[in-house]
């Protein structure tokens, strides 16, 4: 039968693994939006406009910032639920 400290250590490892998984997923979204939409696919996205600006430019200037704030909110809510 596992001792109390073994169960606590196992719970800590599960918590840390979920935290790292969440962080890596959110970092992937961050990279896709900032690097993908703002730099790599900007020329293709500039064929469209959003609020009077080319979409690639908009993502590089405004969309990335809005996405970052949204990711912070998602992280805070998810960690609150995980804790």
N, C-alpha and C. Protein backbone atom coordinates (compact mmCIF):
# COMPACT_ATOMS: atom_id res chain seq x y z
N UNK A 1 0.85 -1.18 0.00
CA UNK A 1 0.00 0.00 0.00
C UNK A 1 0.90 1.25 0.00
N UNK A 2 0.68 2.16 -0.95
CA UNK A 2 1.53 3.36 -1.01
C UNK A 2 1.30 4.26 0.20
N UNK A 3 2.39 4.84 0.63
CA UNK A 3 2.29 5.74 1.79
C UNK A 3 1.71 7.08 1.35
N UNK A 4 1.41 7.92 2.34
CA UNK A 4 0.82 9.23 2.05
C UNK A 4 1.79 10.08 1.24
N UNK A 5 3.07 10.00 1.54
CA UNK A 5 4.03 10.82 0.80
C UNK A 5 4.16 10.35 -0.64
N UNK A 6 4.02 9.03 -0.88
CA UNK A 6 4.04 8.52 -2.26
C UNK A 6 2.85 9.06 -3.06
N UNK A 7 1.69 9.09 -2.41
CA UNK A 7 0.49 9.62 -3.09
C UNK A 7 0.64 11.11 -3.37
N UNK A 8 1.24 11.83 -2.44
CA UNK A 8 1.45 13.27 -2.64
C UNK A 8 2.43 13.50 -3.79
N UNK A 9 3.49 12.72 -3.82
CA UNK A 9 4.47 12.86 -4.91
C UNK A 9 3.84 12.52 -6.26
N UNK A 10 3.01 11.49 -6.30
CA UNK A 10 2.33 11.12 -7.55
C UNK A 10 1.38 12.24 -7.99
N UNK A 11 0.68 12.83 -7.04
CA UNK A 11 -0.23 13.93 -7.37
C UNK A 11 0.55 15.13 -7.89
N UNK A 12 1.71 15.40 -7.30
CA UNK A 12 2.54 16.52 -7.77
C UNK A 12 3.04 16.27 -9.19
N UNK A 13 3.44 15.04 -9.47
CA UNK A 13 3.91 14.71 -10.83
C UNK A 13 2.78 14.86 -11.85
N UNK A 14 1.57 14.41 -11.51
CA UNK A 14 0.42 14.56 -12.42
C UNK A 14 0.12 16.04 -12.66
N UNK A 15 0.13 16.81 -11.58
CA UNK A 15 -0.14 18.25 -11.69
C UNK A 15 0.91 18.92 -12.58
N UNK A 16 2.17 18.61 -12.37
CA UNK A 16 3.23 19.22 -13.15
C UNK A 16 3.13 18.81 -14.62
N UNK A 17 2.83 17.53 -14.89
CA UNK A 17 2.70 17.05 -16.26
C UNK A 17 1.56 17.78 -16.97
N UNK A 18 0.43 17.96 -16.29
CA UNK A 18 -0.69 18.69 -16.90
C UNK A 18 -0.35 20.15 -17.13
N UNK A 19 0.38 20.74 -16.19
CA UNK A 19 0.80 22.13 -16.34
C UNK A 19 1.71 22.29 -17.56
N UNK A 20 2.68 21.41 -17.71
CA UNK A 20 3.60 21.48 -18.84
C UNK A 20 2.86 21.23 -20.15
N UNK A 21 1.94 20.28 -20.17
CA UNK A 21 1.16 20.01 -21.38
C UNK A 21 0.35 21.22 -21.79
N UNK A 22 -0.32 21.83 -20.83
CA UNK A 22 -1.10 23.04 -21.11
C UNK A 22 -0.21 24.15 -21.64
N UNK A 23 0.93 24.36 -21.00
CA UNK A 23 1.85 25.41 -21.42
C UNK A 23 2.36 25.17 -22.84
N UNK A 24 2.72 23.93 -23.16
CA UNK A 24 3.21 23.62 -24.50
C UNK A 24 2.13 23.81 -25.56
N UNK A 25 0.89 23.43 -25.25
CA UNK A 25 -0.21 23.64 -26.19
C UNK A 25 -0.45 25.13 -26.44
N UNK A 26 -0.44 25.92 -25.39
CA UNK A 26 -0.65 27.35 -25.55
C UNK A 26 0.52 28.01 -26.27
N UNK A 27 1.73 27.53 -26.04
CA UNK A 27 2.88 28.04 -26.78
C UNK A 27 2.79 27.71 -28.27
N UNK A 28 2.24 26.54 -28.59
CA UNK A 28 2.06 26.18 -30.00
C UNK A 28 1.06 27.13 -30.67
N UNK A 29 -0.01 27.46 -29.98
CA UNK A 29 -0.98 28.42 -30.52
C UNK A 29 -0.32 29.77 -30.69
N UNK A 30 0.45 30.20 -29.69
CA UNK A 30 1.16 31.47 -29.76
C UNK A 30 2.10 31.51 -30.97
N UNK A 31 2.85 30.44 -31.20
CA UNK A 31 3.78 30.40 -32.32
C UNK A 31 3.04 30.41 -33.65
N UNK A 32 1.93 29.68 -33.72
CA UNK A 32 1.16 29.64 -34.96
C UNK A 32 0.60 31.02 -35.31
N UNK A 33 0.12 31.72 -34.33
CA UNK A 33 -0.47 33.04 -34.59
C UNK A 33 0.61 34.07 -34.87
N UNK A 34 1.61 34.15 -34.00
CA UNK A 34 2.59 35.22 -34.16
C UNK A 34 3.54 34.96 -35.33
N UNK A 35 4.10 33.79 -35.41
CA UNK A 35 5.04 33.49 -36.48
C UNK A 35 4.31 33.11 -37.76
N UNK A 36 3.31 32.24 -37.64
CA UNK A 36 2.59 31.77 -38.82
C UNK A 36 1.80 32.86 -39.51
N UNK A 37 0.85 33.44 -38.79
CA UNK A 37 -0.03 34.44 -39.40
C UNK A 37 0.65 35.79 -39.59
N UNK A 38 1.53 36.15 -38.68
CA UNK A 38 2.15 37.46 -38.74
C UNK A 38 3.35 37.54 -39.66
N UNK A 39 4.02 36.39 -39.94
CA UNK A 39 5.25 36.44 -40.73
C UNK A 39 5.18 35.50 -41.93
N UNK A 40 5.03 34.21 -41.69
CA UNK A 40 5.13 33.22 -42.76
C UNK A 40 4.00 33.30 -43.78
N UNK A 41 2.79 33.48 -43.32
CA UNK A 41 1.64 33.49 -44.22
C UNK A 41 1.09 34.89 -44.44
N UNK A 42 1.86 35.91 -44.09
CA UNK A 42 1.38 37.29 -44.19
C UNK A 42 1.04 37.67 -45.62
N UNK A 43 1.85 37.27 -46.57
CA UNK A 43 1.58 37.63 -47.97
C UNK A 43 0.26 37.03 -48.45
N UNK A 44 0.00 35.78 -48.10
CA UNK A 44 -1.25 35.14 -48.50
C UNK A 44 -2.44 35.77 -47.77
N UNK A 45 -2.25 36.09 -46.49
CA UNK A 45 -3.34 36.70 -45.72
C UNK A 45 -3.62 38.14 -46.14
N UNK A 46 -2.63 38.81 -46.72
CA UNK A 46 -2.82 40.20 -47.14
C UNK A 46 -3.79 40.33 -48.31
N UNK A 47 -4.17 39.23 -48.91
CA UNK A 47 -5.18 39.27 -49.97
C UNK A 47 -6.55 39.62 -49.39
N UNK A 48 -6.71 39.48 -48.10
CA UNK A 48 -7.96 39.79 -47.41
C UNK A 48 -7.75 41.00 -46.51
N UNK A 49 -8.84 41.69 -46.24
CA UNK A 49 -8.75 42.83 -45.32
C UNK A 49 -9.64 42.58 -44.11
N UNK A 50 -9.24 43.19 -43.00
CA UNK A 50 -10.01 43.11 -41.77
C UNK A 50 -9.95 44.49 -41.13
N UNK A 51 -11.08 45.10 -40.93
CA UNK A 51 -11.20 46.43 -40.34
C UNK A 51 -10.32 47.43 -41.12
N UNK A 52 -10.33 47.30 -42.43
CA UNK A 52 -9.63 48.25 -43.29
C UNK A 52 -8.14 48.02 -43.44
N UNK A 53 -7.59 46.99 -42.84
CA UNK A 53 -6.15 46.71 -42.95
C UNK A 53 -5.96 45.32 -43.56
N UNK A 54 -4.84 45.11 -44.26
CA UNK A 54 -4.55 43.76 -44.77
C UNK A 54 -4.47 42.78 -43.59
N UNK A 55 -5.02 41.60 -43.79
CA UNK A 55 -5.14 40.64 -42.69
C UNK A 55 -3.78 40.22 -42.12
N UNK A 56 -2.77 40.04 -42.96
CA UNK A 56 -1.44 39.68 -42.46
C UNK A 56 -0.86 40.77 -41.57
N UNK A 57 -1.01 42.03 -41.99
CA UNK A 57 -0.56 43.16 -41.19
C UNK A 57 -1.35 43.22 -39.89
N UNK A 58 -2.66 43.00 -39.97
CA UNK A 58 -3.50 43.06 -38.77
C UNK A 58 -3.07 42.02 -37.75
N UNK A 59 -2.79 40.79 -38.23
CA UNK A 59 -2.34 39.74 -37.30
C UNK A 59 -1.00 40.11 -36.68
N UNK A 60 -0.11 40.68 -37.46
CA UNK A 60 1.21 41.04 -36.93
C UNK A 60 1.10 42.15 -35.89
N UNK A 61 0.16 43.07 -36.07
CA UNK A 61 0.08 44.23 -35.19
C UNK A 61 -0.95 44.08 -34.07
N UNK A 62 -2.13 43.62 -34.38
CA UNK A 62 -3.21 43.57 -33.40
C UNK A 62 -3.62 42.15 -33.02
N UNK A 63 -3.73 41.29 -33.99
CA UNK A 63 -4.23 39.94 -33.75
C UNK A 63 -3.36 39.16 -32.79
N UNK A 64 -2.04 39.32 -32.91
CA UNK A 64 -1.13 38.60 -32.02
C UNK A 64 -1.31 39.06 -30.58
N UNK A 65 -1.45 40.36 -30.37
CA UNK A 65 -1.63 40.88 -29.02
C UNK A 65 -2.95 40.39 -28.42
N UNK A 66 -4.02 40.44 -29.20
CA UNK A 66 -5.32 39.97 -28.73
C UNK A 66 -5.24 38.47 -28.41
N UNK A 67 -4.56 37.72 -29.25
CA UNK A 67 -4.41 36.28 -29.02
C UNK A 67 -3.61 36.03 -27.73
N UNK A 68 -2.55 36.81 -27.50
CA UNK A 68 -1.75 36.64 -26.29
C UNK A 68 -2.60 36.87 -25.04
N UNK A 69 -3.40 37.91 -25.05
CA UNK A 69 -4.27 38.19 -23.90
C UNK A 69 -5.27 37.05 -23.70
N UNK A 70 -5.83 36.55 -24.80
CA UNK A 70 -6.76 35.43 -24.73
C UNK A 70 -6.06 34.19 -24.16
N UNK A 71 -4.82 33.93 -24.57
CA UNK A 71 -4.08 32.77 -24.06
C UNK A 71 -3.78 32.90 -22.57
N UNK A 72 -3.51 34.11 -22.11
CA UNK A 72 -3.31 34.34 -20.67
C UNK A 72 -4.58 34.01 -19.91
N UNK A 73 -5.72 34.44 -20.45
CA UNK A 73 -7.01 34.14 -19.82
C UNK A 73 -7.25 32.63 -19.78
N UNK A 74 -7.00 31.96 -20.89
CA UNK A 74 -7.20 30.50 -20.94
C UNK A 74 -6.29 29.81 -19.93
N UNK A 75 -5.03 30.24 -19.86
CA UNK A 75 -4.10 29.64 -18.91
C UNK A 75 -4.55 29.85 -17.46
N UNK A 76 -4.97 31.07 -17.14
CA UNK A 76 -5.41 31.35 -15.78
C UNK A 76 -6.64 30.53 -15.41
N UNK A 77 -7.59 30.42 -16.31
CA UNK A 77 -8.80 29.63 -16.03
C UNK A 77 -8.47 28.15 -15.90
N UNK A 78 -7.62 27.65 -16.81
CA UNK A 78 -7.27 26.24 -16.77
C UNK A 78 -6.47 25.89 -15.52
N UNK A 79 -5.56 26.75 -15.13
CA UNK A 79 -4.77 26.47 -13.92
C UNK A 79 -5.62 26.61 -12.67
N UNK A 80 -6.55 27.53 -12.66
CA UNK A 80 -7.47 27.62 -11.54
C UNK A 80 -8.30 26.36 -11.38
N UNK A 81 -8.69 25.82 -12.50
CA UNK A 81 -9.47 24.57 -12.47
C UNK A 81 -8.58 23.39 -12.08
N UNK A 82 -7.35 23.38 -12.57
CA UNK A 82 -6.42 22.28 -12.27
C UNK A 82 -6.01 22.29 -10.80
N UNK A 83 -5.80 23.48 -10.25
CA UNK A 83 -5.41 23.58 -8.85
C UNK A 83 -6.59 23.21 -7.97
